[in-house]
Amino acid sequence: MKTLKLSALVLLSILIVSTTGCVSVTSSPDVESSYYDDPNPVTSDSPYFHAVEVGKTEGFVGTNAFWISGRVSPNLTNESAKEVLEKTLSSSNMLAQNGQAQYQLDAIMVDDDAVGAFASETSLNGTTRDMSIRYILRSLKTTAELYNEVIVSHGEGTCDDACFAFYIQESYAAERSQVDSLRQLVADLKALPVD
């Protein structure tokens, strides 16, 4: 009986500490490491120069430190995904200023390629995240869709990042996959014909 009470007390303590985030087996992706910093932003002769606002971001499930939830894989939330997208557009000189948007960009997570809490993978061989995100660009004048594509991106985490902390390593892979996705998106937007 004493062993049962002690076991229950230890389990309860772990559950309480886990829900407060003090003992987190995972790490959320960092916003500053997840956006694409465009080395060649558009100029004022582009139709997208300071003309794109971010609409909805959906399907970005976030990260839960409580491992029993099954959602411990590092993921952006809808709110942080919007912030990452806005920072990317800003670095590309595409983010609309002062409510002067002519276009709206939505991002919908199709597949985050998250491993999950009960996977058998290990960090010793490296971790990959191949995300699929649908981006939709609409004209606010005509509501016509100018772009509607699913971008598949790739990111890796290795032992050099975090050898014995799988979900921290996976966080690096998630950040790099997000950057790759946004890099492809920016290139596609720059190549779009004028509507």
N, C-alpha and C. Protein backbone atom coordinates (compact mmCIF):
# COMPACT_ATOMS: atom_id res chain seq x y z
N MET A 1 0.83 -1.20 0.00
CA MET A 1 0.00 0.00 0.00
C MET A 1 0.87 1.26 0.00
N LYS A 2 1.97 1.21 0.76
CA LYS A 2 2.87 2.35 0.84
C LYS A 2 3.53 2.62 -0.52
N THR A 3 3.88 1.55 -1.23
CA THR A 3 4.48 1.68 -2.55
C THR A 3 3.49 2.28 -3.54
N LEU A 4 2.26 1.87 -3.46
CA LEU A 4 1.22 2.39 -4.35
C LEU A 4 1.02 3.89 -4.12
N LYS A 5 0.98 4.31 -2.84
CA LYS A 5 0.81 5.73 -2.53
C LYS A 5 2.01 6.54 -3.02
N LEU A 6 3.20 6.00 -2.82
CA LEU A 6 4.41 6.69 -3.26
C LEU A 6 4.45 6.82 -4.78
N SER A 7 4.07 5.75 -5.46
CA SER A 7 4.03 5.79 -6.94
C SER A 7 3.02 6.81 -7.43
N ALA A 8 1.85 6.84 -6.80
CA ALA A 8 0.81 7.79 -7.18
C ALA A 8 1.28 9.23 -6.93
N LEU A 9 1.99 9.45 -5.81
CA LEU A 9 2.49 10.77 -5.48
C LEU A 9 3.55 11.22 -6.50
N VAL A 10 4.44 10.32 -6.88
CA VAL A 10 5.47 10.65 -7.87
C VAL A 10 4.83 10.97 -9.22
N LEU A 11 3.86 10.15 -9.64
CA LEU A 11 3.17 10.39 -10.90
C LEU A 11 2.44 11.72 -10.88
N LEU A 12 1.76 12.02 -9.80
CA LEU A 12 1.05 13.28 -9.66
C LEU A 12 2.01 14.46 -9.72
N SER A 13 3.15 14.34 -9.08
CA SER A 13 4.16 15.40 -9.09
C SER A 13 4.66 15.66 -10.49
N ILE A 14 4.92 14.59 -11.23
CA ILE A 14 5.40 14.72 -12.62
C ILE A 14 4.34 15.40 -13.47
N LEU A 15 3.08 15.00 -13.30
CA LEU A 15 2.00 15.61 -14.08
C LEU A 15 1.86 17.09 -13.78
N ILE A 16 1.94 17.48 -12.52
CA ILE A 16 1.80 18.88 -12.14
C ILE A 16 2.94 19.71 -12.69
N VAL A 17 4.17 19.20 -12.53
CA VAL A 17 5.33 19.93 -13.03
C VAL A 17 5.29 20.02 -14.55
N SER A 18 4.87 18.96 -15.22
CA SER A 18 4.80 18.96 -16.69
C SER A 18 3.82 19.98 -17.21
N THR A 19 2.69 20.12 -16.53
CA THR A 19 1.68 21.07 -17.02
C THR A 19 2.12 22.51 -16.81
N THR A 20 3.03 22.76 -15.89
CA THR A 20 3.50 24.13 -15.69
C THR A 20 4.66 24.46 -16.61
N GLY A 21 5.17 23.48 -17.33
CA GLY A 21 6.23 23.74 -18.29
C GLY A 21 7.62 23.70 -17.70
N CYS A 22 7.75 23.40 -16.41
CA CYS A 22 9.07 23.35 -15.79
C CYS A 22 9.87 22.16 -16.30
N VAL A 23 9.21 21.08 -16.60
CA VAL A 23 9.90 19.92 -17.14
C VAL A 23 9.32 19.68 -18.53
N SER A 24 9.88 20.37 -19.48
CA SER A 24 9.39 20.27 -20.84
C SER A 24 10.32 19.39 -21.65
N VAL A 25 9.75 18.41 -22.33
CA VAL A 25 10.56 17.54 -23.17
C VAL A 25 10.67 18.09 -24.57
N THR A 26 10.09 19.24 -24.80
CA THR A 26 10.07 19.79 -26.15
C THR A 26 10.42 21.27 -26.14
N SER A 27 10.47 21.84 -27.30
CA SER A 27 10.82 23.24 -27.44
C SER A 27 10.08 23.80 -28.65
N SER A 28 9.34 24.88 -28.45
CA SER A 28 8.62 25.49 -29.57
C SER A 28 9.61 26.13 -30.53
N PRO A 29 9.29 26.15 -31.82
CA PRO A 29 10.16 26.84 -32.77
C PRO A 29 10.25 28.32 -32.43
N ASP A 30 11.41 28.90 -32.63
CA ASP A 30 11.64 30.30 -32.36
C ASP A 30 11.19 31.14 -33.56
N VAL A 31 10.40 32.16 -33.31
CA VAL A 31 9.89 33.01 -34.39
C VAL A 31 11.05 33.65 -35.16
N GLU A 32 12.05 34.13 -34.44
CA GLU A 32 13.19 34.78 -35.09
C GLU A 32 13.99 33.83 -35.97
N SER A 33 13.93 32.54 -35.68
CA SER A 33 14.65 31.55 -36.48
C SER A 33 13.78 30.90 -37.54
N SER A 34 12.50 31.26 -37.59
CA SER A 34 11.55 30.61 -38.50
C SER A 34 11.16 31.45 -39.70
N TYR A 35 11.50 32.73 -39.71
CA TYR A 35 11.12 33.55 -40.85
C TYR A 35 12.26 33.63 -41.86
N TYR A 36 11.92 33.93 -43.10
CA TYR A 36 12.91 34.05 -44.17
C TYR A 36 13.32 35.51 -44.31
N ASP A 37 14.60 35.78 -44.14
CA ASP A 37 15.14 37.13 -44.27
C ASP A 37 15.63 37.29 -45.71
N ASP A 38 14.83 37.96 -46.51
CA ASP A 38 15.08 38.07 -47.95
C ASP A 38 16.29 38.96 -48.25
N PRO A 39 17.32 38.40 -48.90
CA PRO A 39 18.50 39.21 -49.23
C PRO A 39 18.26 40.15 -50.43
N ASN A 40 17.19 39.90 -51.19
CA ASN A 40 16.89 40.71 -52.38
C ASN A 40 15.43 41.16 -52.36
N PRO A 41 15.08 42.08 -51.48
CA PRO A 41 13.68 42.51 -51.39
C PRO A 41 13.22 43.22 -52.66
N VAL A 42 11.91 43.19 -52.89
CA VAL A 42 11.37 43.85 -54.07
C VAL A 42 11.52 45.36 -53.93
N THR A 43 11.47 46.03 -55.07
CA THR A 43 11.57 47.48 -55.08
C THR A 43 10.21 48.07 -55.47
N SER A 44 10.14 49.38 -55.52
CA SER A 44 8.86 50.05 -55.75
C SER A 44 8.25 49.77 -57.13
N ASP A 45 9.02 49.19 -58.04
CA ASP A 45 8.44 48.86 -59.34
C ASP A 45 7.70 47.52 -59.34
N SER A 46 7.71 46.80 -58.21
CA SER A 46 6.98 45.55 -58.09
C SER A 46 5.53 45.84 -57.68
N PRO A 47 4.57 45.11 -58.24
CA PRO A 47 3.17 45.32 -57.83
C PRO A 47 2.92 44.89 -56.38
N TYR A 48 3.84 44.12 -55.80
CA TYR A 48 3.66 43.63 -54.44
C TYR A 48 4.42 44.46 -53.41
N PHE A 49 5.05 45.55 -53.84
CA PHE A 49 5.80 46.42 -52.95
C PHE A 49 4.85 47.04 -51.93
N HIS A 50 5.04 46.70 -50.66
CA HIS A 50 4.19 47.19 -49.55
C HIS A 50 2.70 47.04 -49.85
N ALA A 51 2.32 45.88 -50.41
CA ALA A 51 0.93 45.72 -50.87
C ALA A 51 0.24 44.45 -50.36
N VAL A 52 0.93 43.62 -49.58
CA VAL A 52 0.37 42.33 -49.18
C VAL A 52 0.12 42.31 -47.67
N GLU A 53 -1.08 41.96 -47.28
CA GLU A 53 -1.39 41.75 -45.87
C GLU A 53 -1.58 40.26 -45.62
N VAL A 54 -1.34 39.84 -44.39
CA VAL A 54 -1.56 38.44 -44.03
C VAL A 54 -2.99 38.29 -43.57
N GLY A 55 -3.70 37.34 -44.18
CA GLY A 55 -5.07 37.05 -43.80
C GLY A 55 -5.10 36.00 -42.70
N LYS A 56 -5.59 34.82 -43.02
CA LYS A 56 -5.70 33.78 -42.01
C LYS A 56 -4.50 32.83 -42.06
N THR A 57 -4.16 32.34 -40.90
CA THR A 57 -3.19 31.25 -40.77
C THR A 57 -3.92 30.14 -40.02
N GLU A 58 -4.00 28.97 -40.62
CA GLU A 58 -4.79 27.88 -40.05
C GLU A 58 -3.98 26.58 -40.03
N GLY A 59 -4.31 25.73 -39.06
CA GLY A 59 -3.73 24.39 -39.01
C GLY A 59 -2.37 24.32 -38.34
N PHE A 60 -1.86 25.44 -37.83
CA PHE A 60 -0.60 25.44 -37.10
C PHE A 60 -0.94 25.14 -35.64
N VAL A 61 -0.63 23.91 -35.21
CA VAL A 61 -1.19 23.40 -33.96
C VAL A 61 -0.45 23.80 -32.70
N GLY A 62 0.71 24.38 -32.85
CA GLY A 62 1.48 24.75 -31.67
C GLY A 62 2.16 23.57 -31.03
N THR A 63 2.74 23.80 -29.88
CA THR A 63 3.50 22.78 -29.15
C THR A 63 2.93 22.67 -27.74
N ASN A 64 2.84 21.45 -27.25
CA ASN A 64 2.34 21.23 -25.90
C ASN A 64 3.43 20.54 -25.09
N ALA A 65 3.83 21.14 -23.98
CA ALA A 65 4.89 20.57 -23.16
C ALA A 65 4.46 19.30 -22.43
N PHE A 66 3.17 19.08 -22.38
CA PHE A 66 2.64 17.93 -21.64
C PHE A 66 2.63 16.72 -22.58
N TRP A 67 3.55 15.79 -22.40
CA TRP A 67 3.79 14.73 -23.39
C TRP A 67 2.60 13.81 -23.62
N ILE A 68 1.72 13.66 -22.65
CA ILE A 68 0.57 12.76 -22.81
C ILE A 68 -0.39 13.32 -23.87
N SER A 69 -0.31 14.62 -24.14
CA SER A 69 -1.18 15.22 -25.16
C SER A 69 -0.89 14.66 -26.55
N GLY A 70 0.32 14.14 -26.77
CA GLY A 70 0.69 13.62 -28.09
C GLY A 70 1.12 14.70 -29.05
N ARG A 71 1.01 15.99 -28.66
CA ARG A 71 1.36 17.10 -29.55
C ARG A 71 2.63 17.79 -29.08
N VAL A 72 3.64 17.01 -28.75
CA VAL A 72 4.86 17.60 -28.24
C VAL A 72 5.83 18.02 -29.34
N SER A 73 5.59 17.59 -30.58
CA SER A 73 6.48 17.99 -31.66
C SER A 73 6.43 19.51 -31.82
N PRO A 74 7.59 20.12 -32.02
CA PRO A 74 7.64 21.57 -32.12
C PRO A 74 6.89 22.09 -33.35
N ASN A 75 5.92 22.95 -33.12
CA ASN A 75 5.12 23.55 -34.18
C ASN A 75 4.78 24.99 -33.81
N LEU A 76 4.71 25.83 -34.82
CA LEU A 76 4.22 27.18 -34.61
C LEU A 76 2.72 27.14 -34.32
N THR A 77 2.23 28.13 -33.62
CA THR A 77 0.79 28.30 -33.45
C THR A 77 0.28 29.12 -34.64
N ASN A 78 -1.02 29.23 -34.78
CA ASN A 78 -1.58 30.09 -35.83
C ASN A 78 -1.09 31.53 -35.67
N GLU A 79 -1.01 32.00 -34.43
CA GLU A 79 -0.58 33.37 -34.17
C GLU A 79 0.90 33.57 -34.50
N SER A 80 1.75 32.63 -34.07
CA SER A 80 3.19 32.78 -34.36
C SER A 80 3.48 32.56 -35.84
N ALA A 81 2.68 31.72 -36.52
CA ALA A 81 2.85 31.54 -37.96
C ALA A 81 2.53 32.84 -38.69
N LYS A 82 1.52 33.56 -38.23
CA LYS A 82 1.17 34.85 -38.83
C LYS A 82 2.31 35.84 -38.63
N GLU A 83 2.89 35.84 -37.43
CA GLU A 83 4.01 36.73 -37.14
C GLU A 83 5.21 36.42 -38.03
N VAL A 84 5.50 35.13 -38.21
CA VAL A 84 6.61 34.70 -39.06
C VAL A 84 6.37 35.12 -40.51
N LEU A 85 5.14 34.96 -40.98
CA LEU A 85 4.80 35.33 -42.35
C LEU A 85 4.91 36.85 -42.54
N GLU A 86 4.45 37.62 -41.56
CA GLU A 86 4.56 39.07 -41.65
C GLU A 86 6.01 39.54 -41.64
N LYS A 87 6.85 38.91 -40.82
CA LYS A 87 8.27 39.27 -40.78
C LYS A 87 8.93 38.94 -42.11
N THR A 88 8.55 37.84 -42.72
CA THR A 88 9.10 37.47 -44.03
C THR A 88 8.68 38.49 -45.08
N LEU A 89 7.39 38.81 -45.14
CA LEU A 89 6.91 39.79 -46.12
C LEU A 89 7.56 41.16 -45.89
N SER A 90 7.76 41.52 -44.64
CA SER A 90 8.40 42.78 -44.33
C SER A 90 9.84 42.80 -44.85
N SER A 91 10.55 41.70 -44.66
CA SER A 91 11.94 41.65 -45.13
C SER A 91 12.02 41.66 -46.65
N SER A 92 10.92 41.29 -47.32
CA SER A 92 10.87 41.30 -48.78
C SER A 92 10.27 42.60 -49.34
N ASN A 93 9.96 43.54 -48.45
CA ASN A 93 9.30 44.80 -48.82
C ASN A 93 7.90 44.58 -49.41
N MET A 94 7.27 43.47 -49.03
CA MET A 94 5.93 43.19 -49.55
C MET A 94 4.82 43.47 -48.54
N LEU A 95 5.16 43.56 -47.27
CA LEU A 95 4.13 43.75 -46.24
C LEU A 95 3.48 45.12 -46.39
N ALA A 96 2.15 45.13 -46.45
CA ALA A 96 1.40 46.38 -46.62
C ALA A 96 1.61 47.29 -45.42
N GLN A 97 1.66 48.58 -45.70
CA GLN A 97 1.86 49.58 -44.67
C GLN A 97 0.58 50.39 -44.48
N ASN A 98 0.24 50.71 -43.27
CA ASN A 98 -0.86 51.63 -42.95
C ASN A 98 -2.19 51.28 -43.62
N GLY A 99 -2.53 49.99 -43.65
CA GLY A 99 -3.81 49.57 -44.21
C GLY A 99 -3.95 49.77 -45.71
N GLN A 100 -2.85 49.85 -46.42
CA GLN A 100 -2.89 50.09 -47.86
C GLN A 100 -2.77 48.80 -48.67
N ALA A 101 -3.20 47.69 -48.12
CA ALA A 101 -3.05 46.39 -48.79
C ALA A 101 -3.89 46.30 -50.06
N GLN A 102 -3.31 45.69 -51.06
CA GLN A 102 -4.02 45.40 -52.30
C GLN A 102 -4.21 43.90 -52.49
N TYR A 103 -3.45 43.12 -51.67
CA TYR A 103 -3.50 41.67 -51.77
C TYR A 103 -3.56 41.08 -50.36
N GLN A 104 -4.13 39.89 -50.27
CA GLN A 104 -4.18 39.18 -48.98
C GLN A 104 -3.61 37.78 -49.16
N LEU A 105 -2.74 37.39 -48.23
CA LEU A 105 -2.07 36.10 -48.28
C LEU A 105 -2.51 35.25 -47.10
N ASP A 106 -3.03 34.05 -47.39
CA ASP A 106 -3.41 33.08 -46.36
C ASP A 106 -2.41 31.94 -46.35
N ALA A 107 -2.22 31.33 -45.19
CA ALA A 107 -1.35 30.16 -45.06
C ALA A 107 -2.09 29.07 -44.29
N ILE A 108 -2.16 27.89 -44.86
CA ILE A 108 -2.86 26.76 -44.24
C ILE A 108 -1.92 25.57 -44.16
N MET A 109 -1.66 25.11 -42.95
CA MET A 109 -0.79 23.94 -42.78
C MET A 109 -1.55 22.71 -43.27
N VAL A 110 -0.96 22.01 -44.23
CA VAL A 110 -1.56 20.79 -44.76
C VAL A 110 -1.00 19.58 -44.03
N ASP A 111 0.33 19.56 -43.83
CA ASP A 111 0.99 18.44 -43.13
C ASP A 111 2.25 18.98 -42.48
N ASP A 112 2.32 18.90 -41.14
CA ASP A 112 3.50 19.42 -40.45
C ASP A 112 4.62 18.39 -40.31
N ASP A 113 4.35 17.15 -40.72
CA ASP A 113 5.34 16.07 -40.67
C ASP A 113 5.89 15.88 -39.25
N ALA A 114 5.06 16.15 -38.26
CA ALA A 114 5.49 16.02 -36.87
C ALA A 114 5.62 14.56 -36.48
N VAL A 115 6.59 14.27 -35.66
CA VAL A 115 6.85 12.89 -35.25
C VAL A 115 5.87 12.43 -34.20
N GLY A 116 5.54 13.27 -33.23
CA GLY A 116 4.60 12.88 -32.19
C GLY A 116 5.29 12.29 -30.97
N ALA A 117 4.53 12.14 -29.92
CA ALA A 117 5.09 11.73 -28.63
C ALA A 117 5.49 10.26 -28.57
N PHE A 118 4.87 9.43 -29.38
CA PHE A 118 5.08 7.99 -29.22
C PHE A 118 5.88 7.40 -30.38
N ALA A 119 6.69 8.22 -31.04
CA ALA A 119 7.49 7.74 -32.16
C ALA A 119 8.71 6.99 -31.65
N SER A 120 9.27 6.18 -32.51
CA SER A 120 10.44 5.40 -32.12
C SER A 120 11.74 5.99 -32.66
N GLU A 121 11.67 7.19 -33.24
CA GLU A 121 12.89 7.80 -33.78
C GLU A 121 13.80 8.28 -32.66
N THR A 122 15.07 8.46 -32.99
CA THR A 122 16.03 8.98 -32.02
C THR A 122 16.80 10.13 -32.64
N SER A 123 17.37 10.97 -31.81
CA SER A 123 18.09 12.14 -32.29
C SER A 123 19.50 11.80 -32.78
N LEU A 124 19.96 10.60 -32.53
CA LEU A 124 21.34 10.26 -32.87
C LEU A 124 21.58 10.23 -34.38
N ASN A 125 20.55 9.94 -35.15
CA ASN A 125 20.71 9.87 -36.61
C ASN A 125 20.23 11.15 -37.31
N GLY A 126 19.82 12.14 -36.56
CA GLY A 126 19.32 13.37 -37.17
C GLY A 126 17.81 13.30 -37.36
N THR A 127 17.20 14.46 -37.49
CA THR A 127 15.76 14.58 -37.60
C THR A 127 15.42 15.43 -38.82
N THR A 128 14.34 15.07 -39.51
CA THR A 128 13.90 15.88 -40.64
C THR A 128 12.44 16.27 -40.46
N ARG A 129 12.07 17.40 -41.05
CA ARG A 129 10.68 17.84 -41.11
C ARG A 129 10.41 18.29 -42.53
N ASP A 130 9.49 17.62 -43.19
CA ASP A 130 9.07 17.97 -44.54
C ASP A 130 7.63 18.47 -44.48
N MET A 131 7.48 19.76 -44.32
CA MET A 131 6.16 20.37 -44.15
C MET A 131 5.50 20.66 -45.49
N SER A 132 4.18 20.64 -45.49
CA SER A 132 3.39 21.04 -46.65
C SER A 132 2.44 22.15 -46.21
N ILE A 133 2.60 23.32 -46.81
CA ILE A 133 1.77 24.48 -46.45
C ILE A 133 1.15 25.04 -47.73
N ARG A 134 -0.17 25.25 -47.68
CA ARG A 134 -0.87 25.88 -48.81
C ARG A 134 -0.88 27.39 -48.59
N TYR A 135 -0.44 28.10 -49.61
CA TYR A 135 -0.47 29.56 -49.59
C TYR A 135 -1.44 30.03 -50.67
N ILE A 136 -2.29 30.98 -50.30
CA ILE A 136 -3.27 31.52 -51.24
C ILE A 136 -3.16 33.04 -51.23
N LEU A 137 -2.91 33.61 -52.39
CA LEU A 137 -2.83 35.06 -52.55
C LEU A 137 -4.03 35.52 -53.37
N ARG A 138 -4.78 36.49 -52.81
CA ARG A 138 -5.97 37.02 -53.49
C ARG A 138 -5.81 38.53 -53.69
N SER A 139 -6.38 38.99 -54.78
CA SER A 139 -6.49 40.43 -54.99
C SER A 139 -7.66 40.94 -54.15
N LEU A 140 -7.44 42.00 -53.39
CA LEU A 140 -8.53 42.58 -52.60
C LEU A 140 -9.49 43.38 -53.47
N LYS A 141 -9.05 43.78 -54.66
CA LYS A 141 -9.92 44.54 -55.57
C LYS A 141 -10.92 43.63 -56.26
N THR A 142 -10.42 42.51 -56.76
CA THR A 142 -11.27 41.63 -57.57
C THR A 142 -11.62 40.31 -56.89
N THR A 143 -10.99 40.02 -55.76
CA THR A 143 -11.08 38.75 -55.01
C THR A 143 -10.58 37.55 -55.83
N ALA A 144 -9.95 37.80 -56.95
CA ALA A 144 -9.40 36.71 -57.77
C ALA A 144 -8.19 36.08 -57.07
N GLU A 145 -8.09 34.76 -57.16
CA GLU A 145 -6.91 34.05 -56.63
C GLU A 145 -5.78 34.19 -57.63
N LEU A 146 -4.69 34.75 -57.18
CA LEU A 146 -3.52 34.93 -58.04
C LEU A 146 -2.50 33.81 -57.82
N TYR A 147 -2.62 33.16 -56.67
CA TYR A 147 -1.66 32.11 -56.32
C TYR A 147 -2.35 31.16 -55.35
N ASN A 148 -2.26 29.87 -55.62
CA ASN A 148 -2.83 28.86 -54.73
C ASN A 148 -2.00 27.60 -54.90
N GLU A 149 -0.99 27.46 -54.06
CA GLU A 149 -0.05 26.34 -54.19
C GLU A 149 0.27 25.75 -52.83
N VAL A 150 0.54 24.44 -52.83
CA VAL A 150 1.08 23.77 -51.64
C VAL A 150 2.59 23.70 -51.82
N ILE A 151 3.29 24.29 -50.90
CA ILE A 151 4.76 24.27 -50.94
C ILE A 151 5.23 23.21 -49.95
N VAL A 152 6.05 22.29 -50.45
CA VAL A 152 6.66 21.26 -49.61
C VAL A 152 8.08 21.71 -49.31
N SER A 153 8.40 21.78 -48.03
CA SER A 153 9.71 22.27 -47.62
C SER A 153 10.43 21.23 -46.78
N HIS A 154 11.73 21.40 -46.66
CA HIS A 154 12.56 20.42 -45.95
C HIS A 154 13.44 21.14 -44.93
N GLY A 155 13.56 20.54 -43.75
CA GLY A 155 14.46 21.04 -42.72
C GLY A 155 15.06 19.88 -41.96
N GLU A 156 16.28 20.06 -41.50
CA GLU A 156 16.98 19.00 -40.78
C GLU A 156 17.55 19.52 -39.47
N GLY A 157 17.58 18.64 -38.49
CA GLY A 157 18.28 18.88 -37.23
C GLY A 157 19.25 17.73 -37.04
N THR A 158 20.42 18.03 -36.51
CA THR A 158 21.44 17.00 -36.35
C THR A 158 21.97 16.98 -34.92
N CYS A 159 22.87 16.07 -34.70
CA CYS A 159 23.51 15.96 -33.38
C CYS A 159 24.30 17.23 -33.05
N ASP A 160 24.71 17.96 -34.06
CA ASP A 160 25.42 19.22 -33.81
C ASP A 160 24.50 20.24 -33.14
N ASP A 161 23.20 20.10 -33.37
CA ASP A 161 22.22 21.01 -32.76
C ASP A 161 21.89 20.59 -31.33
N ALA A 162 21.54 19.34 -31.17
CA ALA A 162 21.15 18.81 -29.86
C ALA A 162 21.16 17.29 -29.96
N CYS A 163 22.21 16.67 -29.47
CA CYS A 163 22.39 15.24 -29.72
C CYS A 163 21.45 14.37 -28.88
N PHE A 164 21.18 14.76 -27.66
CA PHE A 164 20.41 13.89 -26.78
C PHE A 164 19.06 14.49 -26.39
N ALA A 165 18.62 15.47 -27.14
CA ALA A 165 17.32 16.10 -26.87
C ALA A 165 16.53 16.09 -28.17
N PHE A 166 15.77 15.02 -28.40
CA PHE A 166 15.12 14.80 -29.68
C PHE A 166 14.21 15.95 -30.08
N TYR A 167 13.36 16.43 -29.19
CA TYR A 167 12.39 17.45 -29.57
C TYR A 167 13.04 18.82 -29.75
N ILE A 168 14.15 19.06 -29.08
CA ILE A 168 14.89 20.30 -29.34
C ILE A 168 15.51 20.22 -30.72
N GLN A 169 16.06 19.06 -31.06
CA GLN A 169 16.61 18.85 -32.40
C GLN A 169 15.50 19.00 -33.45
N GLU A 170 14.33 18.45 -33.15
CA GLU A 170 13.22 18.56 -34.09
C GLU A 170 12.76 20.01 -34.24
N SER A 171 12.93 20.80 -33.19
CA SER A 171 12.59 22.21 -33.27
C SER A 171 13.46 22.92 -34.29
N TYR A 172 14.75 22.60 -34.30
CA TYR A 172 15.65 23.17 -35.32
C TYR A 172 15.20 22.75 -36.71
N ALA A 173 14.83 21.49 -36.86
CA ALA A 173 14.37 21.00 -38.17
C ALA A 173 13.09 21.72 -38.59
N ALA A 174 12.17 21.96 -37.64
CA ALA A 174 10.92 22.66 -37.95
C ALA A 174 11.20 24.10 -38.38
N GLU A 175 12.10 24.79 -37.67
CA GLU A 175 12.46 26.16 -38.03
C GLU A 175 13.05 26.22 -39.43
N ARG A 176 13.94 25.30 -39.73
CA ARG A 176 14.60 25.30 -41.05
C ARG A 176 13.62 24.95 -42.17
N SER A 177 12.67 24.07 -41.87
CA SER A 177 11.65 23.73 -42.86
C SER A 177 10.75 24.94 -43.11
N GLN A 178 10.41 25.67 -42.06
CA GLN A 178 9.59 26.87 -42.19
C GLN A 178 10.30 27.91 -43.04
N VAL A 179 11.58 28.12 -42.79
CA VAL A 179 12.37 29.09 -43.57
C VAL A 179 12.40 28.67 -45.04
N ASP A 180 12.60 27.39 -45.29
CA ASP A 180 12.63 26.88 -46.67
C ASP A 180 11.29 27.12 -47.36
N SER A 181 10.20 26.89 -46.65
CA SER A 181 8.86 27.12 -47.21
C SER A 181 8.68 28.58 -47.59
N LEU A 182 9.07 29.47 -46.71
CA LEU A 182 8.90 30.90 -46.96
C LEU A 182 9.84 31.41 -48.05
N ARG A 183 11.02 30.82 -48.13
CA ARG A 183 11.95 31.18 -49.22
C ARG A 183 11.33 30.84 -50.57
N GLN A 184 10.73 29.64 -50.66
CA GLN A 184 10.07 29.25 -51.90
C GLN A 184 8.87 30.16 -52.21
N LEU A 185 8.11 30.49 -51.16
CA LEU A 185 6.94 31.36 -51.35
C LEU A 185 7.36 32.72 -51.90
N VAL A 186 8.36 33.32 -51.30
CA VAL A 186 8.82 34.65 -51.74
C VAL A 186 9.28 34.59 -53.19
N ALA A 187 10.02 33.56 -53.56
CA ALA A 187 10.47 33.41 -54.95
C ALA A 187 9.28 33.30 -55.89
N ASP A 188 8.27 32.53 -55.48
CA ASP A 188 7.07 32.38 -56.32
C ASP A 188 6.31 33.70 -56.47
N LEU A 189 6.17 34.43 -55.38
CA LEU A 189 5.45 35.71 -55.44
C LEU A 189 6.18 36.71 -56.34
N LYS A 190 7.49 36.72 -56.27
CA LYS A 190 8.26 37.63 -57.12
C LYS A 190 8.10 37.29 -58.60
N ALA A 191 7.85 36.01 -58.89
CA ALA A 191 7.73 35.57 -60.28
C ALA A 191 6.31 35.67 -60.83
N LEU A 192 5.33 36.03 -59.97
CA LEU A 192 3.95 36.12 -60.44
C LEU A 192 3.78 37.25 -61.44
N PRO A 193 2.94 37.00 -62.46
CA PRO A 193 2.64 38.10 -63.39
C PRO A 193 1.77 39.15 -62.70
N VAL A 194 1.77 40.33 -63.22
CA VAL A 194 0.92 41.40 -62.69
C VAL A 194 -0.53 41.06 -62.99
N ASP A 195 -1.41 41.24 -61.99
CA ASP A 195 -2.83 40.89 -62.20
C ASP A 195 -3.56 41.96 -63.00
